[in-house]
Protein backbone atom coordinates (compact mmCIF):
# COMPACT_ATOMS: atom_id res chain seq x y z
CA MET A 1 14.32 -23.66 -0.46
CA THR A 2 13.48 -21.01 2.08
CA SER A 3 15.93 -18.88 4.00
CA VAL A 4 13.66 -19.22 7.06
CA PRO A 5 13.35 -22.87 8.17
CA HIS A 6 10.02 -22.77 10.07
CA ILE A 7 6.72 -21.04 9.43
CA ARG A 8 6.75 -19.59 12.96
CA ASP A 9 10.09 -17.88 12.27
CA ALA A 10 8.75 -16.51 8.97
CA VAL A 11 5.61 -15.17 10.68
CA GLU A 12 7.67 -13.46 13.42
CA GLN A 13 10.08 -12.00 10.87
CA LEU A 14 7.27 -10.58 8.72
CA ALA A 15 5.33 -9.26 11.71
CA ALA A 16 8.41 -7.47 13.07
CA ARG A 17 8.99 -5.60 9.85
CA ASN A 18 5.37 -4.97 8.79
CA ALA A 19 3.56 -3.48 11.83
CA LEU A 20 2.48 -6.92 13.15
CA ILE A 21 0.70 -7.74 9.86
CA VAL A 22 1.46 -10.93 7.93
CA THR A 23 0.04 -11.52 4.45
CA ALA A 24 -0.24 -14.65 2.34
CA ARG A 25 1.66 -12.83 -0.42
CA ASP A 26 4.62 -12.20 1.92
CA ILE A 27 4.62 -15.85 3.07
CA ARG A 28 4.66 -17.05 -0.56
CA GLN A 29 7.65 -14.79 -1.27
CA LEU A 30 9.53 -16.54 1.54
CA GLY A 31 8.86 -19.91 -0.14
CA PHE A 32 6.04 -21.18 2.08
CA HIS A 33 2.64 -22.22 0.81
CA GLU A 34 -0.38 -20.14 1.82
CA SER A 35 -2.02 -23.20 3.39
CA SER A 36 0.82 -23.44 5.91
CA LEU A 37 -0.08 -19.94 7.11
CA ARG A 38 -3.76 -20.90 7.45
CA GLN A 39 -2.80 -24.05 9.37
CA TYR A 40 -0.53 -22.06 11.67
CA ALA A 41 -3.38 -19.60 12.36
CA ARG A 42 -5.77 -22.44 13.20
CA ARG A 43 -3.32 -24.10 15.58
CA HIS A 44 -1.96 -21.03 17.37
CA ASP A 45 -3.82 -18.24 19.10
CA ASP A 46 -1.18 -15.58 18.37
CA LEU A 47 -2.16 -15.15 14.69
CA LEU A 48 -5.59 -13.62 14.04
CA PRO A 49 -7.09 -13.79 10.53
CA LEU A 50 -8.40 -10.37 9.45
CA GLY A 51 -9.59 -11.34 5.97
CA HIS A 52 -8.39 -12.06 2.43
CA GLY A 53 -5.05 -13.60 3.41
CA VAL A 54 -4.16 -10.90 5.95
CA TYR A 55 -3.33 -11.79 9.56
CA GLN A 56 -2.31 -9.87 12.68
CA TYR A 57 0.38 -11.41 14.87
CA PHE A 58 0.24 -10.97 18.65
CA GLY A 59 3.21 -13.11 19.69
CA LEU A 60 5.98 -10.58 19.14
CA GLU A 61 7.52 -9.82 22.52
CA GLU A 62 9.59 -6.82 21.46
CA ALA A 63 7.00 -4.99 19.35
CA GLN A 64 7.18 -1.23 19.29
CA PRO A 65 4.04 0.58 20.56
CA GLN A 66 3.86 2.34 17.18
CA ALA A 67 3.40 -1.07 15.50
CA TYR A 68 0.15 -1.63 17.36
CA HIS A 69 -1.05 1.84 16.33
CA ASP A 70 -0.22 1.22 12.64
CA ALA A 71 -1.44 -2.38 12.44
CA GLU A 72 -5.06 -1.57 11.61
CA ALA A 73 -4.06 0.82 8.83
CA VAL A 74 -1.50 -1.58 7.36
CA ALA A 75 -4.07 -4.40 7.46
CA ALA A 76 -6.75 -2.29 5.73
CA LEU A 77 -4.36 -1.38 2.93
CA ALA A 78 -3.21 -5.00 2.54
CA ILE A 79 -6.82 -6.18 2.25
CA ALA A 80 -7.78 -3.39 -0.18
CA GLY A 81 -4.87 -4.20 -2.48
CA ASP A 82 -2.04 -2.44 -4.26
CA ASN A 83 -2.15 1.33 -4.80
CA SER A 84 -4.74 1.85 -2.06
CA TYR A 85 -4.39 4.59 0.54
CA LEU A 86 -6.09 5.85 3.69
CA ALA A 87 -8.43 8.80 3.30
CA GLY A 88 -10.49 11.26 5.34
CA SER A 89 -10.92 10.57 9.04
CA ALA A 90 -8.67 7.50 8.81
CA VAL A 91 -5.76 9.85 8.04
CA LEU A 92 -6.65 12.06 10.99
CA ASN A 93 -6.81 8.95 13.19
CA PHE A 94 -3.38 7.89 11.92
CA TYR A 95 -1.91 11.25 12.96
CA ASP A 96 -3.93 11.30 16.23
CA LEU A 97 -5.72 14.50 15.22
CA ALA A 98 -9.29 15.76 15.73
CA TYR A 99 -10.26 13.05 18.22
CA ALA A 100 -10.78 10.81 15.21
CA ASN A 101 -11.73 7.23 15.93
CA PRO A 102 -13.81 6.15 12.95
CA ASP A 103 -15.96 3.02 13.00
CA GLN A 104 -14.72 2.23 9.51
CA ILE A 105 -11.35 2.87 7.96
CA ARG A 106 -11.86 4.77 4.73
CA VAL A 107 -9.63 3.48 1.94
CA LYS A 108 -9.43 4.78 -1.61
CA THR A 109 -8.20 2.68 -4.52
CA GLN A 110 -8.09 2.83 -8.30
CA ARG A 111 -8.58 -0.91 -8.63
CA ARG A 112 -12.04 -2.31 -9.02
CA ASN A 113 -12.52 -4.60 -6.09
CA ARG A 114 -15.33 -7.11 -6.42
CA ARG A 115 -14.70 -9.10 -3.28
CA GLN A 116 -16.54 -8.49 -0.02
CA MET A 117 -14.63 -6.19 2.33
CA PRO A 118 -14.67 -6.65 6.11
CA SER A 119 -17.21 -4.42 7.82
CA TRP A 120 -14.49 -2.21 9.32
CA ILE A 121 -13.23 -1.09 5.89
CA GLN A 122 -15.06 1.46 3.73
CA LEU A 123 -13.64 1.08 0.22
CA GLU A 124 -14.04 3.92 -2.27
CA HIS A 125 -13.19 3.54 -5.95
CA VAL A 126 -11.49 6.59 -7.48
CA THR A 127 -10.82 7.15 -11.16
CA ARG A 128 -7.95 9.61 -10.84
CA PRO A 129 -5.12 9.14 -8.38
CA GLU A 130 -4.47 11.98 -5.96
CA PRO A 131 -1.14 12.87 -4.34
CA THR A 132 -0.33 10.75 -1.30
CA ASP A 133 2.23 10.63 1.48
CA GLN A 134 4.00 7.54 2.77
CA VAL A 135 4.54 7.43 6.53
CA ARG A 136 5.84 4.28 8.28
CA GLN A 137 4.79 1.90 5.45
CA VAL A 138 1.30 3.46 5.23
CA ARG A 139 0.09 5.38 2.16
CA LEU A 140 -2.05 8.35 3.19
CA GLN A 141 -4.10 10.99 1.48
CA LYS A 142 -2.40 14.38 1.89
CA LEU A 143 -3.34 15.88 5.26
CA PRO A 144 -4.99 19.06 3.88
CA SER A 145 -7.30 17.00 1.65
CA ALA A 146 -8.09 14.63 4.52
CA LEU A 147 -9.02 17.54 6.79
CA LEU A 148 -11.41 18.91 4.17
CA GLU A 149 -12.97 15.51 3.37
CA ALA A 150 -13.47 14.27 6.94
CA ASN A 151 -17.10 15.40 7.19
CA ASP A 152 -17.86 12.70 9.75
CA ILE A 153 -15.80 14.67 12.30
CA ARG A 154 -17.12 17.81 13.95
CA LYS A 155 -15.97 21.08 12.42
CA ASP A 156 -14.55 22.46 15.68
CA TYR A 157 -12.42 19.32 16.07
CA ARG A 158 -11.08 19.72 12.54
CA LEU A 159 -10.28 23.39 13.19
CA GLU A 160 -8.37 22.39 16.29
CA ALA A 161 -6.64 19.62 14.31
CA VAL A 162 -5.29 22.21 11.87
CA GLU A 163 -3.71 24.13 14.76
CA VAL A 164 -2.25 20.96 16.28
CA ALA A 165 -0.90 19.80 12.91
CA LYS A 166 0.70 23.21 12.42
CA SER A 167 2.34 23.06 15.86
CA GLN A 168 3.64 19.53 15.14
CA GLY A 169 5.16 20.65 11.83
CA LEU A 170 2.74 18.65 9.68
CA LEU A 171 1.37 21.81 8.01
CA GLU A 172 3.04 25.04 6.99
CA SER A 173 1.65 28.29 8.44
CA ARG A 174 0.24 29.62 5.14
CA LEU A 175 -1.43 26.32 4.33
CA ALA A 176 -2.87 26.09 7.85
CA ALA A 177 -4.34 29.60 7.54
CA HIS A 178 -5.87 28.68 4.18
CA LEU A 179 -7.35 25.48 5.61
CA LEU A 180 -8.79 27.33 8.60
CA SER A 181 -10.54 29.81 6.31
CA GLN A 182 -11.91 27.00 4.12
CA LEU A 183 -13.16 25.00 7.09
CA GLU A 184 -14.78 28.02 8.74
CA SER A 185 -16.65 28.91 5.54
CA ARG A 186 -18.26 25.46 5.36
């Protein structure tokens, strides 16, 4: 027996707490079958399938603007699986640094993933985990590592991003100075 009587209520509840993203796993935990989520998505235009049992909900009237910003990142991590995290320019995009707007969201994971990823996700298999941060339900590569790895973003933008991150309190002064010297030497 479910605590939420209708699938629509379950979808709204999950979307409100998970940056507008609803997964088949979350629906199963509420006692609904995954097929009921697929049927709901086919019948209603407010639930968009993103791939591999992950959906984005657009029917939430009181959604916070931050939820729309985080939705793509949360969806990419849900599709990539457990223990995955954003990396490189995707981290800079998350923090709104360096004019980052990558075509693909770069995700690192330790799990071998044999299924086909959507074209907007670039999945990278790593053997050793690296330290990550958790911000608003999103696991991220540490900002200094992301700044050094984001080679798809111009160097002058990354240098400016270090200064902006320092002014926003995301980086300490000594670390920012070290990053600036490393980026300038590249």
